[in-house]
């Protein structure tokens, strides 16, 4: 039986509905689809921080805690947890909301990814200096 969670008290980076085309023949959402969505969500704060193009260089961790089903509303919450000279590491938490008749919220995935800022030449570039 899944743990019932609550959504974080901030806006998600992205939110999507899990569709039949994202599922296998038994109705479970493909892990690869979820991994792609996590990468998209994680890249958004990385691009904003880097003020330009980034590339994924590592999936540091990825834990599937519960399955996702067709019809689930999938919310991706991100936070930058580390920055380097060229790299940005982002934590992504994924929650689903399901069963509108008896609403349930479940944390389904946790992941950490590292992105590197790249220039027009697609080679690593230094991150902009932040004021502070």
C-alpha atoms as a PDB file:
ATOM      1  CA  UNK A   1       0.000   0.000   0.000  1.00  0.00           C
ATOM      2  CA  UNK A   2       1.559   3.335  -1.042  1.00  0.00           C
ATOM      3  CA  UNK A   3       2.290   6.058   1.464  1.00  0.00           C
ATOM      4  CA  UNK A   4      -0.027   9.037   1.183  1.00  0.00           C
ATOM      5  CA  UNK A   5       1.969  12.220   0.778  1.00  0.00           C
ATOM      6  CA  UNK A   6       1.163  15.856   0.153  1.00  0.00           C
ATOM      7  CA  UNK A   7       2.493  18.007  -2.643  1.00  0.00           C
ATOM      8  CA  UNK A   8       5.281  20.427  -1.732  1.00  0.00           C
ATOM      9  CA  UNK A   9       4.106  23.950  -0.914  1.00  0.00           C
ATOM     10  CA  UNK A  10       5.579  25.435  -4.091  1.00  0.00           C
ATOM     11  CA  UNK A  11       4.773  25.337  -7.780  1.00  0.00           C
ATOM     12  CA  UNK A  12       5.997  22.298  -9.718  1.00  0.00           C
ATOM     13  CA  UNK A  13       8.576  22.818 -12.439  1.00  0.00           C
ATOM     14  CA  UNK A  14       6.350  20.788 -14.798  1.00  0.00           C
ATOM     15  CA  UNK A  15       3.072  18.892 -14.475  1.00  0.00           C
ATOM     16  CA  UNK A  16       1.740  16.375 -17.006  1.00  0.00           C
ATOM     17  CA  UNK A  17      -0.972  13.744 -17.287  1.00  0.00           C
ATOM     18  CA  UNK A  18       0.196  10.170 -17.826  1.00  0.00           C
ATOM     19  CA  UNK A  19      -1.369   9.014 -21.093  1.00  0.00           C
ATOM     20  CA  UNK A  20      -2.055   5.567 -22.588  1.00  0.00           C
ATOM     21  CA  UNK A  21       0.724   6.078 -25.144  1.00  0.00           C
ATOM     22  CA  UNK A  22       3.193   6.370 -22.209  1.00  0.00           C
ATOM     23  CA  UNK A  23       2.242   2.959 -20.776  1.00  0.00           C
ATOM     24  CA  UNK A  24       2.936  -0.709 -21.310  1.00  0.00           C
ATOM     25  CA  UNK A  25       0.143  -3.176 -22.051  1.00  0.00           C
ATOM     26  CA  UNK A  26      -0.720  -3.554 -18.353  1.00  0.00           C
ATOM     27  CA  UNK A  27      -1.215   0.194 -17.835  1.00  0.00           C
ATOM     28  CA  UNK A  28       1.992   1.003 -15.963  1.00  0.00           C
ATOM     29  CA  UNK A  29       3.910   4.023 -17.236  1.00  0.00           C
ATOM     30  CA  UNK A  30       7.254   3.170 -18.842  1.00  0.00           C
ATOM     31  CA  UNK A  31      10.276   3.946 -16.664  1.00  0.00           C
ATOM     32  CA  UNK A  32      11.991   5.429 -19.713  1.00  0.00           C
ATOM     33  CA  UNK A  33       9.151   7.922 -20.200  1.00  0.00           C
ATOM     34  CA  UNK A  34       9.494   8.997 -16.581  1.00  0.00           C
ATOM     35  CA  UNK A  35      13.276   9.299 -16.887  1.00  0.00           C
ATOM     36  CA  UNK A  36      12.857  11.570 -19.903  1.00  0.00           C
ATOM     37  CA  UNK A  37      10.372  13.790 -18.049  1.00  0.00           C
ATOM     38  CA  UNK A  38      12.697  13.975 -15.020  1.00  0.00           C
ATOM     39  CA  UNK A  39      15.544  15.061 -17.325  1.00  0.00           C
ATOM     40  CA  UNK A  40      13.351  17.772 -18.859  1.00  0.00           C
ATOM     41  CA  UNK A  41      12.249  19.026 -15.430  1.00  0.00           C
ATOM     42  CA  UNK A  42      15.806  19.014 -14.069  1.00  0.00           C
ATOM     43  CA  UNK A  43      17.141  20.886 -17.075  1.00  0.00           C
ATOM     44  CA  UNK A  44      14.789  23.839 -16.565  1.00  0.00           C
ATOM     45  CA  UNK A  45      16.421  25.264 -13.410  1.00  0.00           C
ATOM     46  CA  UNK A  46      19.850  24.293 -14.783  1.00  0.00           C
ATOM     47  CA  UNK A  47      19.241  26.323 -17.970  1.00  0.00           C
ATOM     48  CA  UNK A  48      17.951  29.259 -15.939  1.00  0.00           C
ATOM     49  CA  UNK A  49      20.954  29.163 -13.610  1.00  0.00           C
ATOM     50  CA  UNK A  50      23.442  28.722 -16.465  1.00  0.00           C
ATOM     51  CA  UNK A  51      21.670  31.367 -18.550  1.00  0.00           C
ATOM     52  CA  UNK A  52      21.972  29.169 -21.599  1.00  0.00           C
ATOM     53  CA  UNK A  53      22.392  25.700 -22.988  1.00  0.00           C
ATOM     54  CA  UNK A  54      23.190  22.770 -20.710  1.00  0.00           C
ATOM     55  CA  UNK A  55      23.740  19.079 -21.351  1.00  0.00           C
ATOM     56  CA  UNK A  56      23.024  16.168 -19.047  1.00  0.00           C
ATOM     57  CA  UNK A  57      26.303  14.579 -17.959  1.00  0.00           C
ATOM     58  CA  UNK A  58      25.170  12.301 -15.132  1.00  0.00           C
ATOM     59  CA  UNK A  59      22.164  10.684 -13.576  1.00  0.00           C
ATOM     60  CA  UNK A  60      23.629  10.498 -10.091  1.00  0.00           C
ATOM     61  CA  UNK A  61      20.686   8.666  -8.585  1.00  0.00           C
ATOM     62  CA  UNK A  62      17.243   7.556  -9.676  1.00  0.00           C
ATOM     63  CA  UNK A  63      14.844   5.703  -7.387  1.00  0.00           C
ATOM     64  CA  UNK A  64      11.477   4.382  -8.537  1.00  0.00           C
ATOM     65  CA  UNK A  65       9.416   4.239  -5.322  1.00  0.00           C
ATOM     66  CA  UNK A  66       5.917   3.495  -6.698  1.00  0.00           C
ATOM     67  CA  UNK A  67       4.399   2.868 -10.135  1.00  0.00           C
ATOM     68  CA  UNK A  68       2.650   5.531 -12.191  1.00  0.00           C
ATOM     69  CA  UNK A  69      -0.632   4.670 -13.895  1.00  0.00           C
ATOM     70  CA  UNK A  70      -2.494   5.992 -16.930  1.00  0.00           C
ATOM     71  CA  UNK A  71      -4.524   8.993 -15.800  1.00  0.00           C
ATOM     72  CA  UNK A  72      -2.217  10.008 -12.944  1.00  0.00           C
ATOM     73  CA  UNK A  73      -1.350  13.699 -12.779  1.00  0.00           C
ATOM     74  CA  UNK A  74       2.444  13.745 -12.484  1.00  0.00           C
ATOM     75  CA  UNK A  75       4.174  16.738 -10.834  1.00  0.00           C
ATOM     76  CA  UNK A  76       7.936  17.324 -10.935  1.00  0.00           C
ATOM     77  CA  UNK A  77       9.546  19.499  -8.241  1.00  0.00           C
ATOM     78  CA  UNK A  78      13.152  20.608  -8.655  1.00  0.00           C
ATOM     79  CA  UNK A  79      15.860  22.264  -6.595  1.00  0.00           C
ATOM     80  CA  UNK A  80      19.458  23.131  -7.404  1.00  0.00           C
ATOM     81  CA  UNK A  81      21.540  21.398  -4.750  1.00  0.00           C
ATOM     82  CA  UNK A  82      25.089  22.059  -5.955  1.00  0.00           C
ATOM     83  CA  UNK A  83      26.956  24.224  -8.428  1.00  0.00           C
ATOM     84  CA  UNK A  84      30.506  24.019  -9.683  1.00  0.00           C
ATOM     85  CA  UNK A  85      32.604  25.922 -12.204  1.00  0.00           C
ATOM     86  CA  UNK A  86      30.630  24.522 -15.179  1.00  0.00           C
ATOM     87  CA  UNK A  87      28.121  22.156 -13.564  1.00  0.00           C
ATOM     88  CA  UNK A  88      24.723  22.348 -11.887  1.00  0.00           C
ATOM     89  CA  UNK A  89      23.310  19.435  -9.871  1.00  0.00           C
ATOM     90  CA  UNK A  90      19.529  19.278  -9.540  1.00  0.00           C
ATOM     91  CA  UNK A  91      17.313  17.179  -7.263  1.00  0.00           C
ATOM     92  CA  UNK A  92      13.960  16.146  -8.711  1.00  0.00           C
ATOM     93  CA  UNK A  93      11.040  14.791  -6.691  1.00  0.00           C
ATOM     94  CA  UNK A  94       8.050  13.329  -8.509  1.00  0.00           C
ATOM     95  CA  UNK A  95       4.552  13.050  -7.067  1.00  0.00           C
ATOM     96  CA  UNK A  96       1.309  11.773  -8.567  1.00  0.00           C
ATOM     97  CA  UNK A  97      -2.243  12.696  -7.816  1.00  0.00           C
ATOM     98  CA  UNK A  98      -4.730   9.962  -8.600  1.00  0.00           C
ATOM     99  CA  UNK A  99      -8.246   8.683  -7.988  1.00  0.00           C
ATOM    100  CA  UNK A 100     -10.338  11.888  -8.095  1.00  0.00           C
ATOM    101  CA  UNK A 101     -13.234  10.127  -6.283  1.00  0.00           C
ATOM    102  CA  UNK A 102     -10.953   9.465  -3.301  1.00  0.00           C
ATOM    103  CA  UNK A 103      -7.924  11.737  -3.905  1.00  0.00           C
ATOM    104  CA  UNK A 104      -4.517  10.303  -3.205  1.00  0.00           C
ATOM    105  CA  UNK A 105      -1.062  11.858  -3.514  1.00  0.00           C
ATOM    106  CA  UNK A 106       1.978   9.596  -3.736  1.00  0.00           C
ATOM    107  CA  UNK A 107       5.697  10.357  -4.047  1.00  0.00           C
ATOM    108  CA  UNK A 108       6.787   8.039  -6.839  1.00  0.00           C
ATOM    109  CA  UNK A 109      10.361   8.982  -7.719  1.00  0.00           C
ATOM    110  CA  UNK A 110      13.471  10.786  -6.504  1.00  0.00           C
ATOM    111  CA  UNK A 111      16.401  11.610  -8.746  1.00  0.00           C
ATOM    112  CA  UNK A 112      19.558  13.700  -8.862  1.00  0.00           C
ATOM    113  CA  UNK A 113      21.070  14.803 -12.183  1.00  0.00           C
ATOM    114  CA  UNK A 114      24.095  16.859 -13.145  1.00  0.00           C
ATOM    115  CA  UNK A 115      24.159  19.239 -16.094  1.00  0.00           C
ATOM    116  CA  UNK A 116      27.121  21.095 -17.629  1.00  0.00           C
ATOM    117  CA  UNK A 117      26.798  24.522 -19.227  1.00  0.00           C
ATOM    118  CA  UNK A 118      28.020  24.533 -22.827  1.00  0.00           C
ATOM    119  CA  UNK A 119      28.678  27.269 -25.345  1.00  0.00           C
ATOM    120  CA  UNK A 120      27.788  27.564 -29.023  1.00  0.00           C
ATOM    121  CA  UNK A 121      30.703  25.204 -29.724  1.00  0.00           C
ATOM    122  CA  UNK A 122      29.082  22.631 -27.362  1.00  0.00           C
ATOM    123  CA  UNK A 123      32.153  22.672 -25.137  1.00  0.00           C
ATOM    124  CA  UNK A 124      31.898  23.320 -21.384  1.00  0.00           C
ATOM    125  CA  UNK A 125      31.771  26.958 -20.363  1.00  0.00           C
ATOM    126  CA  UNK A 126      31.946  28.663 -16.989  1.00  0.00           C
ATOM    127  CA  UNK A 127      28.702  29.391 -15.216  1.00  0.00           C
ATOM    128  CA  UNK A 128      27.835  33.070 -14.852  1.00  0.00           C
ATOM    129  CA  UNK A 129      28.982  34.667 -11.604  1.00  0.00           C
ATOM    130  CA  UNK A 130      26.096  35.218  -9.225  1.00  0.00           C
ATOM    131  CA  UNK A 131      25.846  38.383  -7.194  1.00  0.00           C
ATOM    132  CA  UNK A 132      25.671  37.890  -3.499  1.00  0.00           C
END
